[in-house]
Structure formats: structure tokens, C-alpha cells
Amino acid sequence: MLATWPFRIARAAAFAAVCLGLSVMAHVLAGGSVSAPSAAAALALAFGAALATSGRERTLAVILPLLAGVQAGVHVLFSLAHTASPVEVGGHVHAGLLPGLGMLVAHGWAVGLTALWLARGEAALWALLRRLGARFGRVLIVPVTPAYVAFLTPSASEPGPLRSAVLRHVLSRRGPPRTVTATSG
């Protein structure tokens, strides 16, 4: 089942908003600062990555690397726009763009837990959509009866439907076909 463009845009926007909110909160709690241009760039990065993959249901095997890549990109964006000097920020110090071991562990936990959370939400969303589609499909598909039925029914003088003379006497048996050899005449 493929998604329509409004649904894809809504899913990508929700993913980007959650991704940006969690990353800004975690970055600020770790002692960093986030500027408005870097937050806008991070939102665009998350939205673009989510829009590219939002056409159908995605599993954890797709969500986990996507989320890890987006988180690495957002980390680089926030680190490039970081205004404080490395000496004055306590736990957020890293040399250039390479994070320390503690930051790698924190990013790993964040990617793993968020990917599990998003995969479960993705499965629940698509299960709900399938159930709603099956339920509303029965409601929306109404058998249409024509207004003038006598005109459409064949009269007794008209011939019935044609059947092929070749298929009339075909005997259908269950099981695999028998092999025919030259000696089994």
C-alpha cells in the first residue's frame, strides 16, 4: 500500500518535528547551544530524509540507519554553529566534529531507543490504516442497483451466454499431471 503525497508530507513533518525537538532538547541539556539557522537546517535535513522514505511502511531495519544518519547530520550542524568555546562548556567538549566516548554512547542510546519507538509507531499507524481501510471499504462500497432493471435483463428470446465448445468436455482432475512417454500410448 503506497501513501498519497499529503499523507507522506504529514508523516515527514511529524518525523522532522519530533527529531528536531529531541535533538535540540538533548543538545541543550548536554551543555550546547542551538542557533535558529542551525535548527532550521536540521529541520530541513530531517524533513528531506523522512519525505524520501515515507511512501510506505518502514521497518526497524530502515528506520535505524536513517535515524542514525539524520542524528549524525544534526550533530554536525549543531557543532558547527556552536558559539561557546570548548573550555567553558563542561560535558559537551569534543575536538572539532569528533565526539568523545560519552557522547557516542549517548547518541547510540538515543538512536536505538528512538528507532524502536518510531518502528513501533510506524507498525501501529499502518495497522490502524489497514483496519480503517477494511472497515470503511465495506461501508463505502455500496452495491449499485440500476434504476431500470427490466431493460438490462435478457429476455427469454435472447440466447444465453456463449460457452466455448472446446472447454465444454474438459475433464479436470486434481493432482499433478501424468507424464506421457512414447511407450504409454
Protein backbone atom coordinates (compact mmCIF):
# COMPACT_ATOMS: atom_id res chain seq x y z
CA MET A 1 0.00 0.00 0.00
CA LEU A 2 1.53 3.29 -1.09
CA ALA A 3 0.83 6.60 0.59
CA THR A 4 -0.51 9.72 -1.09
CA TRP A 5 1.51 12.95 -1.11
CA PRO A 6 -0.48 14.76 1.62
CA PHE A 7 -0.08 11.73 3.88
CA ARG A 8 3.64 11.49 3.07
CA ILE A 9 4.17 15.18 3.82
CA ALA A 10 2.29 14.89 7.11
CA ARG A 11 4.38 11.86 8.15
CA ALA A 12 7.62 13.58 7.17
CA ALA A 13 6.64 16.74 9.04
CA ALA A 14 5.80 14.75 12.18
CA PHE A 15 9.12 12.88 11.97
CA ALA A 16 11.07 16.10 11.41
CA ALA A 17 9.35 17.89 14.30
CA VAL A 18 10.00 15.02 16.73
CA CYS A 19 13.59 14.66 15.50
CA LEU A 20 14.28 18.38 15.86
CA GLY A 21 12.60 18.64 19.26
CA LEU A 22 14.51 15.71 20.72
CA SER A 23 17.83 16.76 19.25
CA VAL A 24 17.55 20.39 20.40
CA MET A 25 16.48 19.29 23.88
CA ALA A 26 19.32 16.77 24.17
CA HIS A 27 21.89 19.20 22.78
CA VAL A 28 20.89 21.96 25.21
CA LEU A 29 20.75 19.54 28.17
CA ALA A 30 24.29 18.40 27.27
CA GLY A 31 25.50 21.99 27.58
CA GLY A 32 25.42 23.11 23.97
CA SER A 33 23.61 25.96 22.32
CA VAL A 34 21.44 25.90 19.22
CA SER A 35 21.04 28.84 16.86
CA ALA A 36 17.92 29.41 14.78
CA PRO A 37 19.67 28.86 11.42
CA SER A 38 21.17 25.55 12.56
CA ALA A 39 17.75 24.45 13.90
CA ALA A 40 16.14 25.35 10.56
CA ALA A 41 18.84 23.44 8.68
CA ALA A 42 18.35 20.43 10.97
CA LEU A 43 14.60 20.56 10.39
CA ALA A 44 15.14 20.64 6.61
CA LEU A 45 17.58 17.72 6.83
CA ALA A 46 15.18 15.60 8.88
CA PHE A 47 12.20 16.52 6.68
CA GLY A 48 14.07 15.68 3.47
CA ALA A 49 15.25 12.32 4.76
CA ALA A 50 11.80 11.41 6.05
CA LEU A 51 9.99 12.53 2.89
CA ALA A 52 12.25 10.36 0.74
CA THR A 53 11.28 7.23 2.67
CA SER A 54 7.68 7.94 3.69
CA GLY A 55 5.97 6.28 0.72
CA ARG A 56 5.17 3.03 2.51
CA GLU A 57 5.56 1.24 5.81
CA ARG A 58 9.15 1.07 7.04
CA THR A 59 10.66 -1.44 9.44
CA LEU A 60 13.33 -1.06 12.10
CA ALA A 61 15.95 -2.14 9.55
CA VAL A 62 15.24 1.02 7.53
CA ILE A 63 14.42 3.40 10.39
CA LEU A 64 17.57 2.71 12.45
CA PRO A 65 20.19 3.66 9.81
CA LEU A 66 18.07 6.58 8.60
CA LEU A 67 17.78 7.92 12.12
CA ALA A 68 21.49 7.39 12.80
CA GLY A 69 22.39 9.33 9.65
CA VAL A 70 19.99 12.16 10.44
CA GLN A 71 21.27 12.34 14.02
CA ALA A 72 24.88 12.47 12.83
CA GLY A 73 23.99 15.24 10.39
CA VAL A 74 22.12 17.21 13.04
CA HIS A 75 25.05 16.78 15.44
CA VAL A 76 27.44 18.16 12.84
CA LEU A 77 25.10 21.10 12.13
CA PHE A 78 24.79 21.94 15.81
CA SER A 79 28.54 21.53 16.39
CA LEU A 80 29.41 23.85 13.52
CA ALA A 81 27.06 26.52 14.86
CA HIS A 82 28.23 26.09 18.46
CA THR A 83 29.10 29.55 19.81
CA ALA A 84 30.75 28.73 23.14
CA SER A 85 34.44 27.97 23.43
CA PRO A 86 35.45 24.37 24.21
CA VAL A 87 36.88 25.40 27.56
CA GLU A 88 33.72 26.97 29.01
CA VAL A 89 31.31 24.13 28.19
CA GLY A 90 31.78 21.27 30.66
CA GLY A 91 30.37 17.98 29.40
CA HIS A 92 29.95 19.00 25.79
CA VAL A 93 33.62 19.29 24.84
CA HIS A 94 34.83 17.48 21.75
CA ALA A 95 37.72 18.13 19.45
CA GLY A 96 36.36 19.57 16.23
CA LEU A 97 33.48 17.46 14.92
CA LEU A 98 34.52 14.16 16.53
CA PRO A 99 32.57 13.42 19.71
CA GLY A 100 34.04 11.78 22.79
CA LEU A 101 33.14 8.30 24.07
CA GLY A 102 30.38 9.55 26.38
CA MET A 103 28.73 11.44 23.55
CA LEU A 104 28.95 8.41 21.25
CA VAL A 105 27.26 6.26 23.90
CA ALA A 106 24.55 8.88 24.38
CA HIS A 107 23.98 9.11 20.62
CA GLY A 108 23.86 5.30 20.37
CA TRP A 109 21.24 5.03 23.10
CA ALA A 110 19.24 7.87 21.60
CA VAL A 111 19.29 6.33 18.12
CA GLY A 112 18.40 2.85 19.38
CA LEU A 113 15.53 3.87 21.65
CA THR A 114 14.09 6.42 19.23
CA ALA A 115 14.29 3.96 16.32
CA LEU A 116 12.47 1.30 18.36
CA TRP A 117 9.86 3.86 19.35
CA LEU A 118 9.37 5.04 15.76
CA ALA A 119 9.25 1.48 14.38
CA ARG A 120 6.52 0.54 16.85
CA GLY A 121 4.61 3.72 16.00
CA GLU A 122 5.03 3.03 12.28
CA ALA A 123 3.67 -0.51 12.67
CA ALA A 124 0.74 0.74 14.75
CA LEU A 125 -0.08 3.51 12.27
CA TRP A 126 -0.12 1.19 9.26
CA ALA A 127 -2.10 -1.47 11.14
CA LEU A 128 -4.67 1.18 12.04
CA LEU A 129 -4.83 2.39 8.44
CA ARG A 130 -5.31 -1.16 7.16
CA ARG A 131 -8.10 -1.77 9.69
CA LEU A 132 -9.80 1.51 8.84
CA GLY A 133 -9.47 0.79 5.14
CA ALA A 134 -11.05 -2.64 5.56
CA ARG A 135 -13.81 -1.28 7.78
CA PHE A 136 -14.64 1.78 5.67
CA GLY A 137 -14.18 -0.19 2.46
CA ARG A 138 -17.20 -2.29 3.38
CA VAL A 139 -19.18 0.83 4.25
CA LEU A 140 -18.18 2.87 1.22
CA ILE A 141 -18.59 0.15 -1.39
CA VAL A 142 -22.34 0.02 -1.78
CA PRO A 143 -23.85 -2.28 -4.38
CA VAL A 144 -25.46 -0.09 -7.01
CA THR A 145 -28.75 -1.31 -8.41
CA PRO A 146 -29.77 0.22 -11.72
CA ALA A 147 -32.92 2.28 -11.76
CA TYR A 148 -34.45 0.44 -14.73
CA VAL A 149 -33.76 -3.25 -14.23
CA ALA A 150 -36.11 -4.65 -16.90
CA PHE A 151 -34.08 -3.03 -19.65
CA LEU A 152 -30.86 -4.74 -18.56
CA THR A 153 -32.16 -8.30 -18.01
CA PRO A 154 -32.12 -10.60 -21.05
CA SER A 155 -35.49 -11.78 -22.26
CA ALA A 156 -36.33 -15.44 -22.91
CA SER A 157 -35.96 -14.99 -26.68
CA GLU A 158 -32.33 -13.89 -26.41
CA PRO A 159 -29.63 -16.55 -26.41
CA GLY A 160 -27.70 -17.23 -23.21
CA PRO A 161 -24.01 -16.57 -22.75
CA LEU A 162 -21.71 -18.29 -25.19
CA ARG A 163 -19.51 -21.15 -23.98
CA SER A 164 -16.54 -22.47 -25.79
CA ALA A 165 -17.13 -25.84 -27.41
CA VAL A 166 -13.53 -26.83 -26.73
CA LEU A 167 -13.82 -26.35 -22.97
CA ARG A 168 -17.26 -27.94 -22.58
CA HIS A 169 -15.99 -31.54 -22.30
CA VAL A 170 -12.69 -30.92 -20.50
CA LEU A 171 -12.23 -33.20 -17.53
CA SER A 172 -10.43 -31.58 -14.65
CA ARG A 173 -8.68 -33.85 -12.17
CA ARG A 174 -6.77 -32.89 -9.09
CA GLY A 175 -3.12 -33.71 -8.68
CA PRO A 176 -0.01 -33.38 -10.77
CA PRO A 177 -0.22 -34.08 -14.49
CA ARG A 178 0.73 -37.54 -15.67
CA THR A 179 3.83 -37.79 -17.73
CA VAL A 180 3.33 -39.03 -21.25
CA THR A 181 6.07 -41.15 -22.74
CA ALA A 182 6.40 -42.67 -26.17
CA THR A 183 5.56 -46.19 -24.87
CA SER A 184 2.48 -45.26 -22.84
CA GLY A 185 0.35 -44.88 -25.97
